[in-house]
């Protein structure tokens, strides 16, 4: 009788067997890696990989220059983004507030109701402040 394994179980068994083989045959693996690194196939792949990373690095530098120029032209841009986050009560803003209060990230992720409750609390506090300001005027 043959046992049918799922793909995940097969992958796990393969990982375990490869680890055992690597522990037993360290010298063979070193020799194989040396031979492979000297092969033409590896050199072609390595050159293409380096070209790709150089291109990515160029793109990153371009983006940084663009960001710097944009910041010079609009120095309040980052403040505006932060203010929008506060006004709209995004999840990121509320989770940062909860972290400052002492909640842990996994607690917040496990209980999304905490975020909603905090959002409601902030909204009610804001309404109270606006009502107080209106009464003064």
C-alpha atoms as a PDB file:
ATOM      1  CA  UNK A   1       0.000   0.000   0.000  1.00  0.00           C
ATOM      2  CA  UNK A   2       1.345   3.386  -0.988  1.00  0.00           C
ATOM      3  CA  UNK A   3       0.905   6.567   1.061  1.00  0.00           C
ATOM      4  CA  UNK A   4      -0.067   9.714  -0.846  1.00  0.00           C
ATOM      5  CA  UNK A   5       1.583  12.881   0.466  1.00  0.00           C
ATOM      6  CA  UNK A   6       0.549  16.451  -0.090  1.00  0.00           C
ATOM      7  CA  UNK A   7       2.920  18.886  -1.771  1.00  0.00           C
ATOM      8  CA  UNK A   8       3.767  20.581   1.530  1.00  0.00           C
ATOM      9  CA  UNK A   9       4.660  17.272   3.176  1.00  0.00           C
ATOM     10  CA  UNK A  10       6.859  16.403   0.204  1.00  0.00           C
ATOM     11  CA  UNK A  11       8.652  19.744   0.473  1.00  0.00           C
ATOM     12  CA  UNK A  12       9.224  19.257   4.205  1.00  0.00           C
ATOM     13  CA  UNK A  13      10.634  15.760   3.702  1.00  0.00           C
ATOM     14  CA  UNK A  14      12.878  17.042   0.922  1.00  0.00           C
ATOM     15  CA  UNK A  15      14.219  19.839   3.163  1.00  0.00           C
ATOM     16  CA  UNK A  16      14.980  17.384   5.936  1.00  0.00           C
ATOM     17  CA  UNK A  17      16.754  14.967   3.611  1.00  0.00           C
ATOM     18  CA  UNK A  18      18.806  17.795   2.046  1.00  0.00           C
ATOM     19  CA  UNK A  19      19.866  19.021   5.496  1.00  0.00           C
ATOM     20  CA  UNK A  20      20.983  15.525   6.474  1.00  0.00           C
ATOM     21  CA  UNK A  21      22.901  15.131   3.212  1.00  0.00           C
ATOM     22  CA  UNK A  22      24.576  18.528   3.675  1.00  0.00           C
ATOM     23  CA  UNK A  23      25.702  17.615   7.175  1.00  0.00           C
ATOM     24  CA  UNK A  24      27.185  14.292   6.049  1.00  0.00           C
ATOM     25  CA  UNK A  25      28.835  15.511   2.808  1.00  0.00           C
ATOM     26  CA  UNK A  26      30.243  18.977   3.491  1.00  0.00           C
ATOM     27  CA  UNK A  27      33.360  18.436   1.381  1.00  0.00           C
ATOM     28  CA  UNK A  28      31.409  17.208  -1.646  1.00  0.00           C
ATOM     29  CA  UNK A  29      29.169  20.259  -1.501  1.00  0.00           C
ATOM     30  CA  UNK A  30      32.168  22.615  -1.318  1.00  0.00           C
ATOM     31  CA  UNK A  31      33.735  20.970  -4.381  1.00  0.00           C
ATOM     32  CA  UNK A  32      30.464  21.116  -6.303  1.00  0.00           C
ATOM     33  CA  UNK A  33      30.029  24.815  -5.504  1.00  0.00           C
ATOM     34  CA  UNK A  34      33.583  25.594  -6.664  1.00  0.00           C
ATOM     35  CA  UNK A  35      32.992  23.782  -9.957  1.00  0.00           C
ATOM     36  CA  UNK A  36      29.643  25.450 -10.479  1.00  0.00           C
ATOM     37  CA  UNK A  37      31.019  28.943  -9.793  1.00  0.00           C
ATOM     38  CA  UNK A  38      33.675  28.404 -12.434  1.00  0.00           C
ATOM     39  CA  UNK A  39      31.188  27.175 -15.056  1.00  0.00           C
ATOM     40  CA  UNK A  40      30.006  29.300 -17.978  1.00  0.00           C
ATOM     41  CA  UNK A  41      26.378  28.860 -17.001  1.00  0.00           C
ATOM     42  CA  UNK A  42      27.010  30.486 -13.629  1.00  0.00           C
ATOM     43  CA  UNK A  43      29.037  33.333 -15.155  1.00  0.00           C
ATOM     44  CA  UNK A  44      26.241  34.187 -17.603  1.00  0.00           C
ATOM     45  CA  UNK A  45      23.629  34.110 -14.872  1.00  0.00           C
ATOM     46  CA  UNK A  46      25.808  36.139 -12.518  1.00  0.00           C
ATOM     47  CA  UNK A  47      26.482  38.831 -15.147  1.00  0.00           C
ATOM     48  CA  UNK A  48      22.775  39.156 -15.970  1.00  0.00           C
ATOM     49  CA  UNK A  49      21.940  39.376 -12.276  1.00  0.00           C
ATOM     50  CA  UNK A  50      24.508  42.120 -11.733  1.00  0.00           C
ATOM     51  CA  UNK A  51      23.165  44.091 -14.689  1.00  0.00           C
ATOM     52  CA  UNK A  52      19.667  43.850 -13.234  1.00  0.00           C
ATOM     53  CA  UNK A  53      20.764  45.011  -9.799  1.00  0.00           C
ATOM     54  CA  UNK A  54      22.736  47.894 -11.300  1.00  0.00           C
ATOM     55  CA  UNK A  55      19.592  48.956 -13.157  1.00  0.00           C
ATOM     56  CA  UNK A  56      17.567  48.751  -9.935  1.00  0.00           C
ATOM     57  CA  UNK A  57      20.163  50.829  -8.101  1.00  0.00           C
ATOM     58  CA  UNK A  58      20.011  53.483 -10.835  1.00  0.00           C
ATOM     59  CA  UNK A  59      16.225  53.581 -10.532  1.00  0.00           C
ATOM     60  CA  UNK A  60      16.474  53.968  -6.755  1.00  0.00           C
ATOM     61  CA  UNK A  61      18.893  56.876  -7.142  1.00  0.00           C
ATOM     62  CA  UNK A  62      16.588  58.529  -9.674  1.00  0.00           C
ATOM     63  CA  UNK A  63      13.675  58.198  -7.286  1.00  0.00           C
ATOM     64  CA  UNK A  64      15.711  59.669  -4.441  1.00  0.00           C
ATOM     65  CA  UNK A  65      16.667  62.658  -6.598  1.00  0.00           C
ATOM     66  CA  UNK A  66      13.015  63.094  -7.554  1.00  0.00           C
ATOM     67  CA  UNK A  67      11.960  62.897  -3.891  1.00  0.00           C
ATOM     68  CA  UNK A  68      14.574  65.472  -2.879  1.00  0.00           C
ATOM     69  CA  UNK A  69      13.470  67.845  -5.646  1.00  0.00           C
ATOM     70  CA  UNK A  70       9.850  67.339  -4.720  1.00  0.00           C
ATOM     71  CA  UNK A  71      10.636  68.070  -1.071  1.00  0.00           C
ATOM     72  CA  UNK A  72      12.520  71.234  -2.025  1.00  0.00           C
ATOM     73  CA  UNK A  73       9.589  72.442  -4.082  1.00  0.00           C
ATOM     74  CA  UNK A  74       6.979  71.458  -1.467  1.00  0.00           C
ATOM     75  CA  UNK A  75       8.573  71.476   2.003  1.00  0.00           C
ATOM     76  CA  UNK A  76       5.227  70.907   3.746  1.00  0.00           C
ATOM     77  CA  UNK A  77       4.415  67.810   1.691  1.00  0.00           C
ATOM     78  CA  UNK A  78       5.307  65.319   4.439  1.00  0.00           C
ATOM     79  CA  UNK A  79       3.381  67.340   7.025  1.00  0.00           C
ATOM     80  CA  UNK A  80       0.341  67.379   4.765  1.00  0.00           C
ATOM     81  CA  UNK A  81       0.478  63.582   4.403  1.00  0.00           C
ATOM     82  CA  UNK A  82       0.775  63.112   8.171  1.00  0.00           C
ATOM     83  CA  UNK A  83      -2.126  65.502   8.775  1.00  0.00           C
ATOM     84  CA  UNK A  84      -4.319  63.616   6.308  1.00  0.00           C
ATOM     85  CA  UNK A  85      -3.557  60.385   8.130  1.00  0.00           C
ATOM     86  CA  UNK A  86      -4.614  61.971  11.416  1.00  0.00           C
ATOM     87  CA  UNK A  87      -7.760  63.526   9.958  1.00  0.00           C
ATOM     88  CA  UNK A  88      -8.931  60.387   8.190  1.00  0.00           C
ATOM     89  CA  UNK A  89      -7.994  58.102  11.119  1.00  0.00           C
ATOM     90  CA  UNK A  90      -6.191  55.491   9.045  1.00  0.00           C
ATOM     91  CA  UNK A  91      -5.427  52.105  10.561  1.00  0.00           C
ATOM     92  CA  UNK A  92      -1.702  52.904  10.602  1.00  0.00           C
ATOM     93  CA  UNK A  93      -2.285  56.027  12.675  1.00  0.00           C
ATOM     94  CA  UNK A  94      -4.544  54.235  15.127  1.00  0.00           C
ATOM     95  CA  UNK A  95      -2.210  51.244  15.525  1.00  0.00           C
ATOM     96  CA  UNK A  96       0.671  53.619  16.275  1.00  0.00           C
ATOM     97  CA  UNK A  97      -1.512  55.320  18.913  1.00  0.00           C
ATOM     98  CA  UNK A  98      -2.358  51.941  20.450  1.00  0.00           C
ATOM     99  CA  UNK A  99       1.310  50.908  20.474  1.00  0.00           C
ATOM    100  CA  UNK A 100       2.167  54.094  22.365  1.00  0.00           C
ATOM    101  CA  UNK A 101      -0.526  53.202  24.898  1.00  0.00           C
ATOM    102  CA  UNK A 102       1.102  49.795  25.494  1.00  0.00           C
ATOM    103  CA  UNK A 103      -0.700  47.359  23.214  1.00  0.00           C
ATOM    104  CA  UNK A 104       1.391  44.794  21.360  1.00  0.00           C
ATOM    105  CA  UNK A 105       1.181  44.405  17.588  1.00  0.00           C
ATOM    106  CA  UNK A 106      -0.046  40.809  17.704  1.00  0.00           C
ATOM    107  CA  UNK A 107      -2.814  41.805  20.140  1.00  0.00           C
ATOM    108  CA  UNK A 108      -3.934  44.524  17.742  1.00  0.00           C
ATOM    109  CA  UNK A 109      -3.888  42.172  14.743  1.00  0.00           C
ATOM    110  CA  UNK A 110      -5.767  39.448  16.587  1.00  0.00           C
ATOM    111  CA  UNK A 111      -8.482  41.864  17.748  1.00  0.00           C
ATOM    112  CA  UNK A 112      -9.404  44.357  15.008  1.00  0.00           C
ATOM    113  CA  UNK A 113     -12.256  45.558  17.234  1.00  0.00           C
ATOM    114  CA  UNK A 114      -9.654  47.430  19.290  1.00  0.00           C
ATOM    115  CA  UNK A 115      -8.909  49.624  16.273  1.00  0.00           C
ATOM    116  CA  UNK A 116     -12.597  50.396  15.750  1.00  0.00           C
ATOM    117  CA  UNK A 117     -13.112  51.235  19.411  1.00  0.00           C
ATOM    118  CA  UNK A 118     -10.077  53.534  19.418  1.00  0.00           C
ATOM    119  CA  UNK A 119     -11.354  55.215  16.240  1.00  0.00           C
ATOM    120  CA  UNK A 120     -14.742  55.853  17.884  1.00  0.00           C
ATOM    121  CA  UNK A 121     -13.050  57.235  21.011  1.00  0.00           C
ATOM    122  CA  UNK A 122     -10.972  59.669  18.980  1.00  0.00           C
ATOM    123  CA  UNK A 123     -14.012  60.828  17.000  1.00  0.00           C
ATOM    124  CA  UNK A 124     -16.033  61.457  20.156  1.00  0.00           C
ATOM    125  CA  UNK A 125     -13.177  63.391  21.773  1.00  0.00           C
ATOM    126  CA  UNK A 126     -12.889  65.540  18.670  1.00  0.00           C
ATOM    127  CA  UNK A 127     -16.614  66.232  18.671  1.00  0.00           C
ATOM    128  CA  UNK A 128     -16.482  67.242  22.357  1.00  0.00           C
ATOM    129  CA  UNK A 129     -13.636  69.658  21.648  1.00  0.00           C
ATOM    130  CA  UNK A 130     -15.465  71.258  18.731  1.00  0.00           C
ATOM    131  CA  UNK A 131     -18.624  71.645  20.829  1.00  0.00           C
ATOM    132  CA  UNK A 132     -16.610  73.308  23.599  1.00  0.00           C
ATOM    133  CA  UNK A 133     -15.032  75.676  21.080  1.00  0.00           C
ATOM    134  CA  UNK A 134     -18.462  76.566  19.689  1.00  0.00           C
ATOM    135  CA  UNK A 135     -19.814  77.322  23.172  1.00  0.00           C
ATOM    136  CA  UNK A 136     -16.951  79.727  23.852  1.00  0.00           C
ATOM    137  CA  UNK A 137     -17.749  81.710  20.719  1.00  0.00           C
END
